[in-house]
Each structure stands twice: as C-alpha cells, then as structure tokens.
Amino acid sequence: SWKVTAKDYLVLRAGAGANKAEILRIKPGEKVRCYGYYSKNGNTTWLYVVYKDRVGFVSKGYLI
C-alpha cells in the first residue's frame, strides 16, 4: 500500500490527468492500494488505486 503525503488532500480522479473528474478527496496519512499505473514518456505519473471500495487514479507525486 501507499501512504498519502499531500499537504491538504489528494484527489482521486476518474482518469489519469488533472483534468479528469474528481471522485473524492483523500486525507494525508490515509493509505491506498495500487493495482496499476499510467506512464507517459517512460515516467510513471498516475497510479490506479483502490481507496475505501472506490477506484480511480491519483498523482504519484503525493504518495510514498
């Protein structure tokens, strides 16, 4: 699992991209389970995760 390190919250989105619809917001310190990832130009930028029975994408930059 991955831990959320965002300052205020991390947005769970319907797709890989900041322009995709927001599903919910995850508080810092919460954990998500990763089931896949989205890479562009060889860089993994978004992870496909499950959080409290909801699935979506989160930015990898706010997880450890």
N, C-alpha and C. Protein backbone atom coordinates (compact mmCIF):
# COMPACT_ATOMS: atom_id res chain seq x y z
N SER A 1 0.83 -1.19 0.00
CA SER A 1 0.00 0.00 0.00
C SER A 1 0.88 1.25 0.00
N TRP A 2 0.30 2.34 -0.40
CA TRP A 2 0.98 3.62 -0.48
C TRP A 2 0.34 4.59 0.50
N LYS A 3 1.13 5.47 1.09
CA LYS A 3 0.63 6.44 2.05
C LYS A 3 0.55 7.82 1.39
N VAL A 4 -0.55 8.52 1.64
CA VAL A 4 -0.77 9.85 1.08
C VAL A 4 0.06 10.87 1.86
N THR A 5 0.86 11.66 1.13
CA THR A 5 1.72 12.67 1.75
C THR A 5 1.32 14.09 1.37
N ALA A 6 0.23 14.24 0.65
CA ALA A 6 -0.23 15.57 0.23
C ALA A 6 -0.46 16.45 1.46
N LYS A 7 -0.25 17.74 1.31
CA LYS A 7 -0.39 18.67 2.43
C LYS A 7 -1.83 18.76 2.94
N ASP A 8 -2.79 18.96 2.04
CA ASP A 8 -4.19 19.11 2.43
C ASP A 8 -5.02 17.87 2.11
N TYR A 9 -4.93 17.41 0.87
CA TYR A 9 -5.66 16.22 0.43
C TYR A 9 -5.14 15.79 -0.94
N LEU A 10 -5.46 14.56 -1.31
CA LEU A 10 -5.11 14.01 -2.61
C LEU A 10 -6.42 13.67 -3.32
N VAL A 11 -6.54 14.11 -4.56
CA VAL A 11 -7.79 13.90 -5.31
C VAL A 11 -7.75 12.56 -6.03
N LEU A 12 -8.77 11.74 -5.79
CA LEU A 12 -8.98 10.50 -6.54
C LEU A 12 -9.78 10.88 -7.77
N ARG A 13 -9.25 10.58 -8.96
CA ARG A 13 -9.88 11.02 -10.20
C ARG A 13 -10.35 9.85 -11.06
N ALA A 14 -11.26 10.15 -11.96
CA ALA A 14 -11.84 9.13 -12.84
C ALA A 14 -10.88 8.68 -13.94
N GLY A 15 -9.81 9.43 -14.16
CA GLY A 15 -8.83 9.08 -15.18
C GLY A 15 -7.48 9.65 -14.82
N ALA A 16 -6.47 9.29 -15.62
CA ALA A 16 -5.11 9.75 -15.37
C ALA A 16 -4.92 11.16 -15.95
N GLY A 17 -5.09 12.16 -15.12
CA GLY A 17 -4.90 13.54 -15.55
C GLY A 17 -5.63 14.50 -14.64
N ALA A 18 -5.03 15.66 -14.41
CA ALA A 18 -5.61 16.67 -13.52
C ALA A 18 -6.93 17.21 -14.06
N ASN A 19 -7.18 17.01 -15.34
CA ASN A 19 -8.43 17.49 -15.95
C ASN A 19 -9.56 16.47 -15.87
N LYS A 20 -9.30 15.31 -15.30
CA LYS A 20 -10.33 14.27 -15.18
C LYS A 20 -11.24 14.53 -13.98
N ALA A 21 -12.44 13.99 -14.02
CA ALA A 21 -13.44 14.24 -12.97
C ALA A 21 -12.97 13.78 -11.60
N GLU A 22 -13.28 14.59 -10.59
CA GLU A 22 -12.93 14.28 -9.21
C GLU A 22 -13.96 13.31 -8.63
N ILE A 23 -13.46 12.22 -8.03
CA ILE A 23 -14.33 11.23 -7.40
C ILE A 23 -14.48 11.57 -5.91
N LEU A 24 -13.34 11.75 -5.24
CA LEU A 24 -13.34 12.14 -3.84
C LEU A 24 -11.97 12.65 -3.45
N ARG A 25 -11.85 13.14 -2.22
CA ARG A 25 -10.57 13.65 -1.71
C ARG A 25 -10.10 12.76 -0.57
N ILE A 26 -8.80 12.44 -0.59
CA ILE A 26 -8.21 11.55 0.41
C ILE A 26 -7.32 12.38 1.33
N LYS A 27 -7.51 12.21 2.64
CA LYS A 27 -6.75 12.97 3.64
C LYS A 27 -5.31 12.47 3.74
N PRO A 28 -4.38 13.38 4.14
CA PRO A 28 -2.99 12.96 4.37
C PRO A 28 -2.93 11.85 5.42
N GLY A 29 -2.02 10.91 5.21
CA GLY A 29 -1.85 9.80 6.14
C GLY A 29 -2.67 8.57 5.81
N GLU A 30 -3.70 8.73 4.98
CA GLU A 30 -4.52 7.59 4.57
C GLU A 30 -3.71 6.70 3.63
N LYS A 31 -4.13 5.45 3.48
CA LYS A 31 -3.43 4.51 2.60
C LYS A 31 -4.32 4.07 1.45
N VAL A 32 -3.67 3.86 0.29
CA VAL A 32 -4.37 3.38 -0.90
C VAL A 32 -3.65 2.13 -1.40
N ARG A 33 -4.38 1.27 -2.09
CA ARG A 33 -3.78 0.08 -2.71
C ARG A 33 -3.65 0.32 -4.20
N CYS A 34 -2.47 0.06 -4.72
CA CYS A 34 -2.19 0.30 -6.14
C CYS A 34 -2.38 -0.99 -6.94
N TYR A 35 -3.09 -0.86 -8.07
CA TYR A 35 -3.32 -2.00 -8.95
C TYR A 35 -2.80 -1.78 -10.36
N GLY A 36 -2.23 -0.63 -10.62
CA GLY A 36 -1.69 -0.37 -11.94
C GLY A 36 -1.19 1.06 -12.00
N TYR A 37 -0.69 1.44 -13.17
CA TYR A 37 -0.15 2.78 -13.31
C TYR A 37 -0.25 3.26 -14.74
N TYR A 38 -0.14 4.56 -14.90
CA TYR A 38 -0.14 5.20 -16.20
C TYR A 38 1.21 5.87 -16.38
N SER A 39 1.89 5.57 -17.48
CA SER A 39 3.19 6.16 -17.76
C SER A 39 3.13 6.97 -19.05
N LYS A 40 3.87 8.06 -19.07
CA LYS A 40 4.00 8.89 -20.27
C LYS A 40 5.48 9.18 -20.46
N ASN A 41 5.98 8.91 -21.64
CA ASN A 41 7.40 9.11 -21.94
C ASN A 41 8.31 8.38 -20.94
N GLY A 42 7.86 7.21 -20.49
CA GLY A 42 8.67 6.39 -19.58
C GLY A 42 8.58 6.79 -18.12
N ASN A 43 7.81 7.83 -17.80
CA ASN A 43 7.67 8.27 -16.41
C ASN A 43 6.30 7.89 -15.88
N THR A 44 6.28 7.20 -14.74
CA THR A 44 5.01 6.86 -14.11
C THR A 44 4.51 8.10 -13.38
N THR A 45 3.35 8.58 -13.80
CA THR A 45 2.84 9.81 -13.23
C THR A 45 1.54 9.61 -12.46
N TRP A 46 0.76 8.60 -12.82
CA TRP A 46 -0.52 8.34 -12.15
C TRP A 46 -0.62 6.88 -11.77
N LEU A 47 -1.18 6.61 -10.58
CA LEU A 47 -1.39 5.23 -10.13
C LEU A 47 -2.88 4.94 -10.09
N TYR A 48 -3.23 3.73 -10.52
CA TYR A 48 -4.62 3.26 -10.46
C TYR A 48 -4.78 2.61 -9.10
N VAL A 49 -5.65 3.15 -8.26
CA VAL A 49 -5.72 2.70 -6.87
C VAL A 49 -7.14 2.40 -6.42
N VAL A 50 -7.22 1.72 -5.27
CA VAL A 50 -8.49 1.48 -4.58
C VAL A 50 -8.38 2.15 -3.22
N TYR A 51 -9.41 2.91 -2.86
CA TYR A 51 -9.49 3.56 -1.56
C TYR A 51 -10.92 3.45 -1.06
N LYS A 52 -11.11 2.73 0.04
CA LYS A 52 -12.44 2.53 0.63
C LYS A 52 -13.47 2.11 -0.42
N ASP A 53 -13.17 1.08 -1.16
CA ASP A 53 -14.05 0.50 -2.18
C ASP A 53 -14.32 1.41 -3.38
N ARG A 54 -13.56 2.48 -3.53
CA ARG A 54 -13.67 3.36 -4.71
C ARG A 54 -12.39 3.19 -5.52
N VAL A 55 -12.50 3.17 -6.82
CA VAL A 55 -11.33 3.03 -7.69
C VAL A 55 -11.14 4.29 -8.52
N GLY A 56 -9.89 4.59 -8.81
CA GLY A 56 -9.59 5.75 -9.63
C GLY A 56 -8.09 5.96 -9.72
N PHE A 57 -7.72 7.14 -10.18
CA PHE A 57 -6.32 7.48 -10.37
C PHE A 57 -5.89 8.59 -9.44
N VAL A 58 -4.65 8.50 -8.93
CA VAL A 58 -4.07 9.56 -8.11
C VAL A 58 -2.67 9.88 -8.64
N SER A 59 -2.25 11.12 -8.42
CA SER A 59 -0.92 11.54 -8.83
C SER A 59 0.13 10.89 -7.94
N LYS A 60 1.12 10.25 -8.56
CA LYS A 60 2.15 9.52 -7.81
C LYS A 60 2.99 10.45 -6.95
N GLY A 61 3.08 11.72 -7.30
CA GLY A 61 3.93 12.66 -6.58
C GLY A 61 3.53 12.91 -5.13
N TYR A 62 2.33 12.46 -4.74
CA TYR A 62 1.85 12.72 -3.39
C TYR A 62 1.72 11.44 -2.57
N LEU A 63 2.50 10.43 -2.93
CA LEU A 63 2.46 9.14 -2.25
C LEU A 63 3.86 8.66 -1.91
N ILE A 64 3.96 7.90 -0.83
CA ILE A 64 5.23 7.22 -0.51
C ILE A 64 4.92 5.78 -0.18
